[in-house]
């Protein structure tokens, strides 16, 4: 059994914020894999389903970001899910949009949701860090993360959310490196033909 957690803030006001990419990822995953309808439980919204023969609990804490750990701890304790079977999806300032890192344990990087989970669960859980980029000035960070994704970023965001959901069965199989690799591959731009003369010669030869 696995507990997948997406971090964000509750309410329509925050729905499209960069800080809510964890919620967005869970919404797409639940829809893509036909999980159950969302129900209110553990101070959050919960859905269940199966991937690779493993039961998956999906949780979106509704406590606001800095208290997320309360919800995660309650769900993990109820289902007896150990920290190493908890996967948390959240926004990462230090990664460019469209980039991700999957890592077990580590620091919070100043993320209030991760700080809260660390304090309630310890650090021995998996983190899926989803790049949102950095505004360039630390004084702008709060407004940036609580701002909506720019229109120019939305196509890339949708592509990332789709890739995260498509390859989620690898997480359920415990293949964390494979998951990170497959999602990264899906987000790579198509290769451009650099040597046009070479291509032209190849076409002529085939004729």
Protein backbone atom coordinates (compact mmCIF):
# COMPACT_ATOMS: atom_id res chain seq x y z
CA UNK A 1 0.00 0.00 0.00
CA UNK A 2 1.15 3.51 -0.86
CA UNK A 3 0.09 6.97 0.25
CA UNK A 4 0.41 9.61 -2.47
CA UNK A 5 0.14 13.17 -1.15
CA UNK A 6 -0.25 16.33 -3.21
CA UNK A 7 0.45 19.62 -1.43
CA UNK A 8 -1.45 22.86 -1.90
CA UNK A 9 -3.82 25.30 -0.24
CA UNK A 10 -7.59 24.68 -0.14
CA UNK A 11 -10.16 26.92 -1.80
CA UNK A 12 -10.79 28.38 -5.25
CA UNK A 13 -8.63 31.41 -4.45
CA UNK A 14 -5.51 29.22 -4.57
CA UNK A 15 -6.67 26.66 -7.13
CA UNK A 16 -4.36 27.67 -9.99
CA UNK A 17 -1.39 28.87 -7.89
CA UNK A 18 2.11 27.54 -8.52
CA UNK A 19 2.07 26.41 -4.87
CA UNK A 20 -0.83 24.08 -5.74
CA UNK A 21 0.88 21.97 -8.38
CA UNK A 22 0.77 19.02 -5.96
CA UNK A 23 -3.03 19.21 -5.84
CA UNK A 24 -3.14 19.48 -9.63
CA UNK A 25 -0.96 16.38 -10.02
CA UNK A 26 -3.25 14.32 -7.78
CA UNK A 27 -6.38 15.51 -9.60
CA UNK A 28 -5.02 14.35 -12.95
CA UNK A 29 -3.72 11.05 -11.52
CA UNK A 30 -7.07 10.21 -9.92
CA UNK A 31 -8.95 11.03 -13.12
CA UNK A 32 -6.51 9.21 -15.42
CA UNK A 33 -6.57 5.94 -13.47
CA UNK A 34 -10.29 5.96 -12.58
CA UNK A 35 -9.78 6.18 -8.83
CA UNK A 36 -12.73 6.72 -6.49
CA UNK A 37 -14.51 10.04 -6.07
CA UNK A 38 -12.95 12.41 -3.56
CA UNK A 39 -14.23 12.10 0.02
CA UNK A 40 -13.46 14.22 3.07
CA UNK A 41 -11.26 12.43 5.57
CA UNK A 42 -8.13 13.03 7.69
CA UNK A 43 -8.52 16.83 7.43
CA UNK A 44 -8.19 16.43 3.70
CA UNK A 45 -9.70 15.07 0.50
CA UNK A 46 -9.03 11.39 -0.18
CA UNK A 47 -9.37 9.04 -3.14
CA UNK A 48 -8.40 5.38 -3.53
CA UNK A 49 -7.46 3.13 -6.40
CA UNK A 50 -5.06 0.44 -7.56
CA UNK A 51 -1.83 0.61 -9.57
CA UNK A 52 0.33 -2.42 -10.36
CA UNK A 53 -1.78 -4.47 -7.96
CA UNK A 54 -1.02 -2.09 -5.08
CA UNK A 55 -3.66 -0.13 -3.22
CA UNK A 56 -3.05 3.60 -3.51
CA UNK A 57 -4.40 6.20 -1.07
CA UNK A 58 -4.36 9.70 -2.58
CA UNK A 59 -4.53 12.63 -0.18
CA UNK A 60 -4.85 16.39 -0.61
CA UNK A 61 -4.53 17.99 2.86
CA UNK A 62 -7.06 20.78 3.40
CA UNK A 63 -5.31 22.25 6.44
CA UNK A 64 -3.43 24.95 4.51
CA UNK A 65 0.16 24.31 3.54
CA UNK A 66 1.98 24.93 6.83
CA UNK A 67 -0.14 22.33 8.67
CA UNK A 68 -0.10 19.61 5.99
CA UNK A 69 1.70 17.17 8.27
CA UNK A 70 -1.35 16.79 10.51
CA UNK A 71 -3.40 15.36 7.64
CA UNK A 72 -0.58 13.17 6.30
CA UNK A 73 0.20 11.70 9.72
CA UNK A 74 -3.47 10.90 10.38
CA UNK A 75 -3.86 9.06 7.06
CA UNK A 76 -0.54 7.21 7.37
CA UNK A 77 -1.36 6.11 10.93
CA UNK A 78 -4.88 4.92 10.04
CA UNK A 79 -3.72 2.80 7.10
CA UNK A 80 -0.43 1.81 8.77
CA UNK A 81 1.59 3.14 5.84
CA UNK A 82 5.29 3.46 6.77
CA UNK A 83 7.12 6.67 5.76
CA UNK A 84 9.05 4.84 3.03
CA UNK A 85 5.71 4.16 1.30
CA UNK A 86 4.64 7.81 1.37
CA UNK A 87 5.22 9.90 -1.78
CA UNK A 88 4.73 13.68 -1.57
CA UNK A 89 4.31 15.84 -4.69
CA UNK A 90 5.08 19.55 -4.31
CA UNK A 91 6.41 22.70 -5.98
CA UNK A 92 10.14 23.34 -6.12
CA UNK A 93 11.57 26.83 -6.66
CA UNK A 94 15.08 25.57 -7.38
CA UNK A 95 14.03 23.55 -10.45
CA UNK A 96 13.02 25.03 -13.78
CA UNK A 97 9.43 24.51 -14.97
CA UNK A 98 9.09 21.11 -16.59
CA UNK A 99 11.86 19.56 -14.47
CA UNK A 100 11.42 17.13 -11.59
CA UNK A 101 13.48 15.26 -9.03
CA UNK A 102 12.49 12.18 -7.04
CA UNK A 103 14.37 11.69 -3.81
CA UNK A 104 13.98 9.97 -0.46
CA UNK A 105 14.51 12.07 2.66
CA UNK A 106 16.49 15.31 2.61
CA UNK A 107 15.84 18.86 3.72
CA UNK A 108 12.73 20.97 3.30
CA UNK A 109 14.33 23.66 1.14
CA UNK A 110 12.24 26.17 3.07
CA UNK A 111 8.96 24.61 1.89
CA UNK A 112 6.39 24.99 4.68
CA UNK A 113 4.40 21.91 3.68
CA UNK A 114 7.51 19.73 3.78
CA UNK A 115 8.58 21.26 7.09
CA UNK A 116 5.20 20.29 8.57
CA UNK A 117 5.35 16.72 7.24
CA UNK A 118 8.92 16.34 8.51
CA UNK A 119 7.79 17.37 11.99
CA UNK A 120 4.94 14.84 12.03
CA UNK A 121 6.32 11.94 10.00
CA UNK A 122 10.10 12.30 10.07
CA UNK A 123 12.08 12.65 6.86
CA UNK A 124 12.19 9.08 5.58
CA UNK A 125 9.56 9.50 2.84
CA UNK A 126 9.73 10.08 -0.91
CA UNK A 127 9.54 13.56 -2.42
CA UNK A 128 8.58 14.35 -6.01
CA UNK A 129 9.84 17.90 -6.49
CA UNK A 130 8.09 19.66 -9.36
CA UNK A 131 9.89 22.63 -10.85
CA UNK A 132 8.14 25.98 -10.94
CA UNK A 133 11.24 28.16 -11.39
CA UNK A 134 12.39 31.06 -9.21
CA UNK A 135 11.34 34.71 -9.56
CA UNK A 136 14.98 35.76 -9.15
CA UNK A 137 14.55 37.72 -5.92
CA UNK A 138 13.86 36.10 -2.55
CA UNK A 139 11.58 39.01 -1.61
CA UNK A 140 9.32 38.06 -4.52
CA UNK A 141 9.00 34.38 -3.62
CA UNK A 142 5.79 34.59 -1.57
CA UNK A 143 3.84 36.44 -4.26
CA UNK A 144 5.34 34.20 -6.93
CA UNK A 145 4.34 30.85 -5.41
CA UNK A 146 0.90 32.18 -4.47
CA UNK A 147 0.44 33.53 -7.98
CA UNK A 148 -1.21 31.62 -10.82
CA UNK A 149 0.80 29.91 -13.54
CA UNK A 150 1.39 32.27 -16.44
CA UNK A 151 -0.56 31.56 -19.63
CA UNK A 152 2.71 30.85 -21.42
CA UNK A 153 3.48 28.08 -18.91
CA UNK A 154 0.14 26.29 -19.05
CA UNK A 155 0.82 24.03 -22.04
CA UNK A 156 4.02 22.81 -20.40
CA UNK A 157 2.21 22.40 -17.08
CA UNK A 158 -0.49 20.20 -18.65
CA UNK A 159 2.18 18.09 -20.35
CA UNK A 160 3.95 17.58 -17.01
CA UNK A 161 0.76 16.68 -15.15
CA UNK A 162 -0.14 14.14 -17.86
CA UNK A 163 3.33 12.57 -17.69
CA UNK A 164 3.22 12.37 -13.89
CA UNK A 165 -0.08 10.51 -14.08
CA UNK A 166 0.83 8.29 -17.04
CA UNK A 167 3.91 6.85 -15.35
CA UNK A 168 2.51 6.63 -11.80
CA UNK A 169 2.39 2.80 -11.96
CA UNK A 170 6.20 2.85 -11.74
CA UNK A 171 5.92 4.54 -8.33
CA UNK A 172 3.56 1.82 -7.14
CA UNK A 173 6.13 -0.75 -8.29
CA UNK A 174 8.83 1.04 -6.30
CA UNK A 175 10.74 2.05 -9.44
CA UNK A 176 11.50 5.63 -8.43
CA UNK A 177 14.44 6.12 -10.79
CA UNK A 178 12.42 4.71 -13.67
CA UNK A 179 9.56 7.05 -12.86
CA UNK A 180 11.79 10.11 -12.84
CA UNK A 181 13.46 9.02 -16.08
CA UNK A 182 10.22 8.30 -17.95
CA UNK A 183 8.59 11.57 -16.91
CA UNK A 184 11.73 13.49 -17.87
CA UNK A 185 11.78 11.78 -21.28
CA UNK A 186 8.14 12.67 -21.88
CA UNK A 187 8.89 16.33 -21.17
CA UNK A 188 11.87 16.62 -23.50
CA UNK A 189 11.26 18.82 -26.54
CA UNK A 190 11.33 17.02 -29.90
CA UNK A 191 14.76 16.80 -31.45
CA UNK A 192 15.50 19.25 -34.24
CA UNK A 193 17.26 18.16 -37.41
CA UNK A 194 20.62 19.89 -37.13
CA UNK A 195 22.29 18.64 -40.31
CA UNK A 196 19.88 19.38 -43.14
CA UNK A 197 22.44 18.47 -45.84
CA UNK A 198 22.90 15.04 -44.28
CA UNK A 199 19.14 14.50 -44.31
CA UNK A 200 18.86 15.64 -47.93
CA UNK A 201 21.61 13.20 -48.96
CA UNK A 202 19.88 10.39 -47.10
CA UNK A 203 16.61 11.09 -48.94
CA UNK A 204 18.37 11.17 -52.32
CA UNK A 205 20.11 7.88 -51.59
CA UNK A 206 16.83 6.24 -50.68
CA UNK A 207 15.34 7.36 -54.00
